[in-house]
N, C-alpha and C. Protein backbone atom coordinates (compact mmCIF):
# COMPACT_ATOMS: atom_id res chain seq x y z
N MET A 1 -21.99 -152.68 46.84
CA MET A 1 -21.26 -151.84 45.93
C MET A 1 -21.97 -150.30 46.30
N LYS A 2 -23.24 -150.15 46.53
CA LYS A 2 -23.74 -148.78 46.83
C LYS A 2 -23.33 -148.28 48.22
N LYS A 3 -23.21 -149.32 49.07
CA LYS A 3 -22.41 -148.69 50.38
C LYS A 3 -20.86 -148.38 50.11
N ILE A 4 -20.15 -148.85 49.35
CA ILE A 4 -19.00 -148.42 49.00
C ILE A 4 -18.82 -147.06 48.31
N LEU A 5 -19.68 -147.00 47.40
CA LEU A 5 -19.92 -145.78 46.68
C LEU A 5 -20.37 -144.47 47.50
N LEU A 6 -21.36 -144.61 48.51
CA LEU A 6 -21.72 -143.78 49.48
C LEU A 6 -20.61 -143.44 50.31
N PHE A 7 -19.87 -144.31 50.51
CA PHE A 7 -18.80 -144.03 51.70
C PHE A 7 -17.76 -143.32 50.54
N LEU A 8 -17.48 -143.54 49.65
CA LEU A 8 -16.29 -142.65 48.80
C LEU A 8 -17.00 -141.31 48.66
N ILE A 9 -18.29 -141.15 48.13
CA ILE A 9 -18.78 -139.90 48.12
C ILE A 9 -18.75 -138.91 49.41
N GLY A 10 -19.01 -139.76 50.54
CA GLY A 10 -19.00 -138.96 51.77
C GLY A 10 -17.48 -138.52 52.14
N LEU A 11 -16.54 -139.36 51.78
CA LEU A 11 -15.12 -139.13 52.05
C LEU A 11 -14.78 -138.13 51.18
N THR A 12 -15.29 -138.00 50.10
CA THR A 12 -14.86 -136.79 49.09
C THR A 12 -15.27 -135.52 49.60
N ILE A 13 -16.61 -135.71 49.92
CA ILE A 13 -17.25 -134.30 50.49
C ILE A 13 -16.40 -133.84 51.92
N LEU A 14 -16.32 -134.89 52.75
CA LEU A 14 -15.59 -134.35 53.89
C LEU A 14 -14.09 -133.97 53.65
N SER A 15 -13.30 -134.41 52.76
CA SER A 15 -12.21 -133.99 52.52
C SER A 15 -12.23 -132.83 51.57
N SER A 16 -13.22 -132.37 50.86
CA SER A 16 -13.19 -131.11 50.10
C SER A 16 -13.48 -129.99 51.25
N CYS A 17 -13.91 -130.28 52.32
CA CYS A 17 -14.37 -129.28 53.18
C CYS A 17 -13.00 -128.52 53.71
N LYS A 18 -12.21 -129.28 53.82
CA LYS A 18 -10.71 -128.63 54.25
C LYS A 18 -10.15 -127.74 53.55
N LYS A 19 -10.63 -127.57 52.41
CA LYS A 19 -10.31 -126.54 51.46
C LYS A 19 -10.31 -125.03 52.07
N ASP A 20 -9.25 -124.18 51.85
CA ASP A 20 -9.44 -122.76 52.41
C ASP A 20 -10.64 -122.21 51.83
N ILE A 21 -11.40 -121.69 52.88
CA ILE A 21 -12.65 -121.00 52.49
C ILE A 21 -12.63 -119.40 52.31
N ILE A 22 -11.42 -119.00 52.90
CA ILE A 22 -11.14 -117.43 52.59
C ILE A 22 -9.77 -117.57 52.05
N LYS A 23 -9.70 -116.89 50.91
CA LYS A 23 -8.22 -116.91 50.27
C LYS A 23 -7.43 -115.84 50.92
N THR A 24 -6.04 -115.95 50.98
CA THR A 24 -4.95 -115.03 51.66
C THR A 24 -5.09 -113.90 51.10
N PRO A 25 -5.31 -112.97 52.08
CA PRO A 25 -5.20 -111.44 51.51
C PRO A 25 -3.93 -111.00 50.79
N ASP A 26 -4.04 -109.98 49.82
CA ASP A 26 -2.97 -109.52 48.94
C ASP A 26 -2.11 -108.95 49.93
N HIS A 27 -2.34 -108.14 50.96
CA HIS A 27 -1.49 -107.50 51.98
C HIS A 27 -1.73 -108.36 53.32
N LEU A 28 -0.98 -109.43 53.54
CA LEU A 28 -1.20 -110.11 54.68
C LEU A 28 -0.35 -109.55 55.79
N ILE A 29 -1.08 -109.34 56.82
CA ILE A 29 -0.48 -108.62 58.15
C ILE A 29 -0.01 -109.82 58.80
N GLU A 30 1.25 -109.90 59.31
CA GLU A 30 2.02 -111.05 60.08
C GLU A 30 1.34 -111.38 61.29
N ARG A 31 1.35 -112.55 61.78
CA ARG A 31 0.37 -113.10 62.93
C ARG A 31 0.59 -112.29 64.34
N ASP A 32 2.04 -112.02 64.39
CA ASP A 32 2.54 -111.22 65.62
C ASP A 32 1.79 -109.88 65.26
N LYS A 33 2.10 -109.23 64.36
CA LYS A 33 1.32 -107.90 64.16
C LYS A 33 -0.11 -108.02 64.30
N MET A 34 -0.85 -108.94 63.88
CA MET A 34 -2.23 -109.11 64.11
C MET A 34 -2.50 -109.17 65.50
N ILE A 35 -1.72 -109.81 66.28
CA ILE A 35 -1.91 -110.10 67.80
C ILE A 35 -1.83 -108.62 68.42
N ASN A 36 -0.73 -107.98 68.02
CA ASN A 36 -0.66 -106.73 68.56
C ASN A 36 -1.80 -105.88 68.19
N ILE A 37 -2.38 -105.79 67.06
CA ILE A 37 -3.60 -105.08 66.58
C ILE A 37 -4.72 -105.52 67.68
N MET A 38 -4.82 -106.70 67.66
CA MET A 38 -5.95 -107.25 68.63
C MET A 38 -5.81 -106.74 69.92
N TYR A 39 -4.60 -106.76 70.73
CA TYR A 39 -4.31 -106.40 71.92
C TYR A 39 -4.58 -104.90 72.11
N ASP A 40 -4.20 -104.02 71.25
CA ASP A 40 -4.47 -102.75 71.34
C ASP A 40 -5.95 -102.44 71.21
N LEU A 41 -6.51 -103.04 70.52
CA LEU A 41 -8.17 -102.96 70.25
C LEU A 41 -8.69 -103.19 71.69
N SER A 42 -8.10 -104.32 72.11
CA SER A 42 -8.70 -104.76 73.44
C SER A 42 -8.58 -103.73 74.39
N ILE A 43 -7.30 -103.19 74.47
CA ILE A 43 -7.15 -102.08 75.36
C ILE A 43 -8.09 -101.01 75.16
N LEU A 44 -8.24 -100.22 73.95
CA LEU A 44 -8.95 -99.23 73.61
C LEU A 44 -10.39 -99.43 74.13
N ASP A 45 -10.95 -100.69 73.67
CA ASP A 45 -11.98 -101.01 73.97
C ASP A 45 -12.50 -100.96 75.60
N ALA A 46 -11.35 -101.49 76.19
CA ALA A 46 -11.58 -101.49 77.75
C ALA A 46 -11.86 -99.99 78.25
N ILE A 47 -10.97 -99.20 77.55
CA ILE A 47 -10.78 -97.67 77.97
C ILE A 47 -12.12 -97.18 77.67
N LYS A 48 -12.70 -97.46 76.51
CA LYS A 48 -13.98 -96.81 75.95
C LYS A 48 -15.06 -97.10 77.02
N ASN A 49 -15.15 -98.44 77.60
CA ASN A 49 -16.06 -99.12 78.32
C ASN A 49 -16.06 -98.45 79.85
N GLN A 50 -14.53 -98.32 80.34
CA GLN A 50 -14.49 -97.84 81.57
C GLN A 50 -14.63 -96.25 81.85
N ASN A 51 -14.15 -95.60 80.90
CA ASN A 51 -14.19 -94.21 80.73
C ASN A 51 -14.31 -93.70 79.45
N PRO A 52 -15.53 -93.61 78.92
CA PRO A 52 -15.73 -93.21 77.61
C PRO A 52 -15.34 -91.72 77.27
N SER A 53 -15.48 -90.86 78.34
CA SER A 53 -15.06 -89.45 78.22
C SER A 53 -13.64 -89.31 77.91
N SER A 54 -12.83 -90.23 78.37
CA SER A 54 -11.32 -89.97 78.28
C SER A 54 -10.88 -90.05 76.52
N LEU A 55 -11.56 -90.93 75.82
CA LEU A 55 -11.10 -90.98 74.43
C LEU A 55 -11.74 -89.81 73.57
N GLU A 56 -13.06 -89.32 74.14
CA GLU A 56 -13.70 -88.15 73.44
C GLU A 56 -12.94 -86.88 73.90
N LYS A 57 -12.28 -86.73 75.07
CA LYS A 57 -11.59 -85.79 75.52
C LYS A 57 -10.54 -85.42 74.57
N TYR A 58 -9.60 -86.38 74.33
CA TYR A 58 -8.53 -86.41 73.60
C TYR A 58 -8.71 -86.77 71.95
N LYS A 59 -10.18 -86.77 71.53
CA LYS A 59 -10.44 -86.95 70.23
C LYS A 59 -9.93 -88.14 69.69
N ILE A 60 -9.82 -89.20 70.39
CA ILE A 60 -9.14 -90.29 69.98
C ILE A 60 -10.21 -91.32 69.26
N ASN A 61 -10.34 -91.64 67.99
CA ASN A 61 -11.12 -92.55 67.20
C ASN A 61 -10.35 -93.93 67.32
N SER A 62 -10.68 -94.86 68.09
CA SER A 62 -9.77 -96.16 68.25
C SER A 62 -9.28 -96.70 66.98
N LYS A 63 -10.12 -97.10 65.95
CA LYS A 63 -10.04 -97.59 64.91
C LYS A 63 -9.02 -96.85 63.94
N GLU A 64 -9.26 -95.48 64.05
CA GLU A 64 -8.20 -94.69 63.07
C GLU A 64 -6.88 -94.68 63.76
N TYR A 65 -6.84 -94.68 64.99
CA TYR A 65 -5.54 -94.78 65.78
C TYR A 65 -4.94 -96.00 65.33
N ILE A 66 -5.40 -97.15 65.44
CA ILE A 66 -4.95 -98.33 65.17
C ILE A 66 -4.48 -98.44 63.68
N TYR A 67 -5.33 -98.07 62.76
CA TYR A 67 -4.97 -98.15 61.14
C TYR A 67 -3.71 -97.10 61.10
N LYS A 68 -3.62 -96.04 61.78
CA LYS A 68 -2.57 -94.96 61.74
C LYS A 68 -1.25 -95.74 62.28
N LYS A 69 -1.39 -96.30 63.53
CA LYS A 69 -0.33 -96.77 64.24
C LYS A 69 0.20 -98.06 63.49
N TYR A 70 -0.40 -98.93 62.86
CA TYR A 70 0.08 -99.97 62.03
C TYR A 70 0.15 -99.72 60.59
N LYS A 71 0.05 -98.62 60.18
CA LYS A 71 -0.08 -98.29 58.69
C LYS A 71 -0.81 -99.34 57.87
N ILE A 72 -2.00 -99.47 58.25
CA ILE A 72 -2.91 -100.35 57.57
C ILE A 72 -4.42 -99.54 57.31
N ASP A 73 -4.92 -100.09 56.47
CA ASP A 73 -6.45 -99.64 56.30
C ASP A 73 -7.59 -100.49 56.72
N SER A 74 -8.70 -99.82 56.54
CA SER A 74 -9.98 -100.81 57.39
C SER A 74 -10.02 -102.07 56.43
N ILE A 75 -9.99 -102.04 55.03
CA ILE A 75 -10.23 -103.04 54.31
C ILE A 75 -9.07 -104.10 54.41
N GLN A 76 -7.99 -103.75 54.56
CA GLN A 76 -7.03 -104.80 55.12
C GLN A 76 -7.10 -105.39 56.20
N PHE A 77 -7.58 -104.70 57.25
CA PHE A 77 -7.72 -105.12 58.64
C PHE A 77 -8.95 -106.14 58.46
N VAL A 78 -9.87 -105.74 57.83
CA VAL A 78 -11.07 -106.69 57.61
C VAL A 78 -10.72 -107.97 57.15
N GLN A 79 -10.19 -107.83 55.90
CA GLN A 79 -9.70 -108.99 55.01
C GLN A 79 -8.72 -109.90 55.86
N ASN A 80 -7.92 -109.38 56.55
CA ASN A 80 -6.96 -110.12 57.57
C ASN A 80 -7.42 -110.92 58.59
N ASN A 81 -8.64 -110.17 59.37
CA ASN A 81 -9.34 -110.50 60.39
C ASN A 81 -10.31 -111.97 59.95
N LEU A 82 -10.52 -111.58 58.79
CA LEU A 82 -11.54 -112.77 58.22
C LEU A 82 -10.52 -114.06 57.85
N PHE A 83 -9.45 -113.76 57.36
CA PHE A 83 -8.44 -114.70 56.97
C PHE A 83 -8.13 -115.38 58.33
N TYR A 84 -7.76 -114.70 59.25
CA TYR A 84 -7.19 -115.36 60.72
C TYR A 84 -8.28 -116.10 61.42
N SER A 85 -9.61 -115.75 61.22
CA SER A 85 -10.92 -116.01 61.95
C SER A 85 -11.29 -117.52 61.21
N ALA A 86 -10.90 -117.48 60.06
CA ALA A 86 -11.32 -118.73 59.30
C ALA A 86 -10.70 -119.98 59.92
N ASP A 87 -9.43 -120.05 60.49
CA ASP A 87 -8.84 -121.13 61.09
C ASP A 87 -9.08 -120.69 62.64
N TYR A 88 -10.15 -121.64 62.93
CA TYR A 88 -10.83 -121.18 64.41
C TYR A 88 -9.73 -121.54 65.47
N LYS A 89 -9.03 -122.77 65.37
CA LYS A 89 -8.14 -122.87 66.39
C LYS A 89 -6.87 -122.12 66.50
N GLY A 90 -6.39 -121.75 65.28
CA GLY A 90 -5.28 -120.39 65.09
C GLY A 90 -5.85 -119.25 65.85
N TYR A 91 -7.00 -118.86 65.53
CA TYR A 91 -7.65 -117.56 65.91
C TYR A 91 -7.70 -117.53 67.44
N GLN A 92 -8.26 -118.67 67.96
CA GLN A 92 -8.37 -119.01 69.36
C GLN A 92 -6.96 -119.08 70.13
N LEU A 93 -5.99 -119.45 69.58
CA LEU A 93 -4.58 -119.07 70.17
C LEU A 93 -4.15 -117.73 70.00
N MET A 94 -4.48 -117.13 68.99
CA MET A 94 -4.41 -115.47 69.09
C MET A 94 -4.74 -114.80 70.14
N TYR A 95 -6.06 -115.14 70.30
CA TYR A 95 -6.79 -114.47 71.32
C TYR A 95 -6.43 -114.84 72.80
N GLU A 96 -5.78 -116.23 72.96
CA GLU A 96 -5.21 -116.55 74.16
C GLU A 96 -4.00 -115.93 74.69
N GLU A 97 -3.27 -115.48 73.36
CA GLU A 97 -2.00 -114.68 73.60
C GLU A 97 -2.29 -113.31 73.93
N VAL A 98 -3.50 -112.86 73.45
CA VAL A 98 -3.91 -111.54 73.82
C VAL A 98 -4.24 -111.53 75.30
N LYS A 99 -5.01 -112.40 75.64
CA LYS A 99 -5.63 -112.53 77.06
C LYS A 99 -4.57 -112.75 77.80
N GLY A 100 -3.43 -113.54 77.64
CA GLY A 100 -2.24 -113.56 78.40
C GLY A 100 -1.44 -112.57 78.59
N ARG A 101 -1.35 -111.36 77.61
CA ARG A 101 -0.83 -110.10 77.80
C ARG A 101 -1.64 -109.31 78.67
N LEU A 102 -2.89 -109.14 78.27
CA LEU A 102 -3.98 -108.36 79.16
C LEU A 102 -3.83 -108.74 80.82
N ASP A 103 -3.77 -110.14 80.99
CA ASP A 103 -3.59 -110.71 82.26
C ASP A 103 -2.27 -110.08 82.97
N LYS A 104 -1.18 -110.14 82.28
CA LYS A 104 0.06 -109.82 82.81
C LYS A 104 0.02 -108.42 83.07
N ASN A 105 -0.41 -107.55 82.15
CA ASN A 105 -0.62 -106.24 82.29
C ASN A 105 -1.46 -105.87 83.60
N MET A 106 -2.45 -106.61 83.72
CA MET A 106 -3.65 -105.90 84.90
C MET A 106 -2.91 -106.47 86.14
N LYS A 107 -2.16 -107.61 86.29
CA LYS A 107 -1.48 -107.79 87.57
C LYS A 107 -0.43 -106.90 87.85
N SER A 108 0.57 -106.29 86.89
CA SER A 108 1.32 -105.26 87.06
C SER A 108 0.86 -103.78 87.31
N THR A 109 -0.43 -103.80 86.72
CA THR A 109 -1.27 -102.40 87.11
C THR A 109 -1.71 -102.56 88.45
N GLU A 110 -2.24 -103.79 88.85
CA GLU A 110 -2.69 -103.86 90.30
C GLU A 110 -1.92 -103.65 91.20
N ALA A 111 -0.51 -104.20 91.08
CA ALA A 111 0.36 -103.82 91.88
C ALA A 111 0.81 -102.22 92.07
N LEU A 112 0.89 -101.56 90.74
CA LEU A 112 1.19 -100.20 90.99
C LEU A 112 -0.03 -99.52 91.57
N VAL A 113 -1.11 -99.78 91.37
CA VAL A 113 -2.33 -99.48 92.08
C VAL A 113 -2.32 -99.53 93.73
N LYS A 114 -1.83 -100.82 94.15
CA LYS A 114 -1.53 -101.08 95.36
C LYS A 114 -0.51 -100.21 96.10
N ILE A 115 0.56 -99.86 95.30
CA ILE A 115 1.87 -99.06 95.85
C ILE A 115 1.12 -97.54 95.89
N GLU A 116 0.35 -97.13 95.01
CA GLU A 116 -0.02 -95.85 94.93
C GLU A 116 -1.00 -95.60 96.19
N ILE A 117 -1.95 -96.79 96.50
CA ILE A 117 -2.76 -96.67 97.70
C ILE A 117 -2.07 -96.54 98.94
N LYS A 118 -0.97 -97.25 98.98
CA LYS A 118 0.05 -97.35 100.25
C LYS A 118 0.59 -96.10 100.24
N LYS A 119 0.89 -95.43 99.19
CA LYS A 119 1.47 -94.12 99.43
C LYS A 119 0.58 -92.89 99.88
N ALA A 120 -0.55 -93.22 99.37
CA ALA A 120 -1.69 -92.17 99.67
C ALA A 120 -2.06 -92.20 101.18
N ILE A 121 -2.10 -93.51 101.57
CA ILE A 121 -2.47 -94.07 103.02
C ILE A 121 -1.37 -93.17 104.05
N ALA A 122 0.00 -93.54 103.54
CA ALA A 122 0.99 -93.00 104.21
C ALA A 122 0.99 -91.47 104.17
N LYS A 123 0.69 -90.89 103.17
CA LYS A 123 0.73 -89.25 103.25
C LYS A 123 -0.43 -88.81 104.03
N LYS A 124 -1.53 -89.58 104.02
CA LYS A 124 -2.51 -89.01 104.78
C LYS A 124 -2.22 -89.12 106.41
N ALA A 125 -1.41 -90.44 106.67
CA ALA A 125 -1.16 -90.31 107.92
C ALA A 125 -0.22 -89.31 108.48
N ALA A 126 0.66 -89.00 107.55
CA ALA A 126 1.80 -87.96 107.85
C ALA A 126 1.00 -86.70 108.08
N ASP A 127 0.04 -86.32 107.00
CA ASP A 127 -0.62 -85.09 107.27
C ASP A 127 -1.45 -84.93 108.43
N GLU A 128 -2.21 -86.17 108.93
CA GLU A 128 -2.91 -86.25 110.20
C GLU A 128 -1.93 -85.96 111.34
N LYS A 129 -0.57 -86.58 111.39
CA LYS A 129 0.23 -86.54 112.40
C LYS A 129 0.72 -84.91 112.32
N LEU A 130 1.01 -84.26 111.42
CA LEU A 130 1.44 -82.85 111.38
C LEU A 130 0.39 -81.96 111.69
N LYS A 131 -0.92 -82.26 111.24
CA LYS A 131 -1.85 -81.46 111.71
C LYS A 131 -2.21 -81.46 113.17
N ALA A 132 -2.05 -82.76 113.86
CA ALA A 132 -2.13 -83.01 115.19
C ALA A 132 -1.12 -82.42 116.19
N LYS A 133 0.18 -82.10 115.36
CA LYS A 133 1.40 -81.54 116.05
C LYS A 133 1.00 -80.07 116.15
N LYS A 134 0.52 -79.61 114.93
CA LYS A 134 0.02 -78.07 114.82
C LYS A 134 -0.66 -77.52 115.85
N VAL A 135 -1.77 -78.46 116.09
CA VAL A 135 -3.05 -78.29 116.94
C VAL A 135 -2.46 -78.38 118.48
N SER A 136 -1.48 -79.04 118.87
CA SER A 136 -0.82 -79.24 119.99
C SER A 136 -0.11 -78.20 120.45
N ASP A 137 0.78 -77.61 119.30
CA ASP A 137 1.62 -76.58 119.50
C ASP A 137 0.78 -75.51 119.65
N SER A 138 -0.27 -75.12 118.81
CA SER A 138 -1.12 -74.22 119.11
C SER A 138 -1.83 -73.95 120.47
N ILE A 139 -2.16 -75.35 121.16
CA ILE A 139 -2.68 -75.39 122.38
C ILE A 139 -1.65 -75.01 123.53
N LYS A 140 -0.33 -75.44 123.09
CA LYS A 140 0.70 -75.25 124.08
C LYS A 140 0.97 -73.54 124.19
N LYS A 141 0.79 -72.90 122.93
CA LYS A 141 1.20 -71.48 122.79
C LYS A 141 -0.05 -70.77 123.60
N ILE A 142 -1.25 -71.30 123.46
CA ILE A 142 -2.36 -70.45 124.15
C ILE A 142 -2.19 -70.78 125.84
N LYS A 143 -1.82 -71.82 126.10
CA LYS A 143 -1.34 -72.21 127.58
C LYS A 143 -0.31 -71.06 128.05
N GLU A 144 0.62 -70.94 127.25
CA GLU A 144 1.81 -70.12 127.63
C GLU A 144 1.45 -68.46 127.65
N LYS A 145 0.40 -68.13 126.92
CA LYS A 145 -0.08 -66.90 126.89
C LYS A 145 -1.02 -66.87 128.08
N GLN A 146 -1.85 -67.69 128.55
CA GLN A 146 -2.39 -67.49 129.64
C GLN A 146 -1.65 -67.46 130.78
N VAL A 147 -0.57 -68.12 131.10
CA VAL A 147 0.44 -68.09 132.09
C VAL A 147 1.03 -66.55 132.26
N LYS A 148 1.42 -65.95 130.88
CA LYS A 148 1.90 -64.79 130.91
C LYS A 148 0.89 -63.71 131.36
N VAL A 149 -0.42 -63.85 130.74
CA VAL A 149 -1.53 -62.87 131.14
C VAL A 149 -1.77 -63.02 132.78
N ALA A 150 -1.77 -64.22 133.29
CA ALA A 150 -1.91 -64.56 134.67
C ALA A 150 -0.74 -63.69 135.48
N ASP A 151 0.44 -64.02 135.03
CA ASP A 151 1.61 -63.52 135.67
C ASP A 151 1.54 -61.84 135.73
N SER A 152 1.00 -61.20 134.50
CA SER A 152 1.01 -59.85 134.42
C SER A 152 -0.21 -59.32 135.40
N ILE A 153 -1.29 -60.16 135.44
CA ILE A 153 -2.10 -59.49 136.21
C ILE A 153 -1.91 -59.67 137.65
N LYS A 154 -0.98 -60.81 137.85
CA LYS A 154 -0.54 -61.02 139.42
C LYS A 154 0.51 -59.72 139.71
N LYS A 155 1.41 -59.23 138.76
CA LYS A 155 2.20 -58.20 139.09
C LYS A 155 1.19 -57.10 139.00
N ILE A 156 0.27 -56.74 138.26
CA ILE A 156 -0.41 -55.40 138.57
C ILE A 156 -0.92 -55.29 139.88
N LYS A 157 -1.57 -56.52 140.15
CA LYS A 157 -2.32 -56.36 141.67
C LYS A 157 -1.01 -56.23 142.62
N GLU A 158 0.11 -56.74 142.55
CA GLU A 158 1.20 -56.66 143.41
C GLU A 158 1.64 -55.05 143.61
N ARG A 159 1.63 -54.45 142.34
CA ARG A 159 1.83 -53.12 142.39
C ARG A 159 1.01 -52.19 143.04
N LYS A 160 -0.31 -52.54 142.77
CA LYS A 160 -1.41 -51.82 143.67
C LYS A 160 -1.35 -52.05 144.94
N LEU A 161 -1.02 -53.09 145.46
CA LEU A 161 -0.87 -53.39 146.77
C LEU A 161 0.43 -52.54 147.46
N ASN A 162 1.28 -52.53 146.64
CA ASN A 162 2.62 -51.75 147.34
C ASN A 162 2.47 -50.58 147.21
N LYS A 163 1.58 -49.68 146.61
CA LYS A 163 1.47 -48.40 146.61
C LYS A 163 0.74 -47.99 147.60
């Protein structure tokens, strides 16, 4: 009888743990909107880590930007973040969606960077080719002037001889 009683008490305790720890916020942010907020925060955090002066230069406070963009306040964001994070698996799925978007954008950004690098290399090659052509043209002009000078010296010598 003791074993059955302990089993029932343990079962009751385990089933009571399933209860929601965090209550639903009064102003619940939709899941998709919350994912967009998390995505934007990730982008802004990456910018802040890669080039901190860029946000300072334009006087952008990342949290204030997010609050204004999504028309929320800090308390609403914190409450919703706590609410969504209470469900570990759901929150992990949200972060996986954010990571997927970041990876997709990173690939397209890398492709754009490669295109820009190829354009820069092609421009540099064209500039070097143009510079080499200018140098060869200037050398050709110098040779033509030398020939003219030599011809004029020859003519002067011939005039002196003919006199």
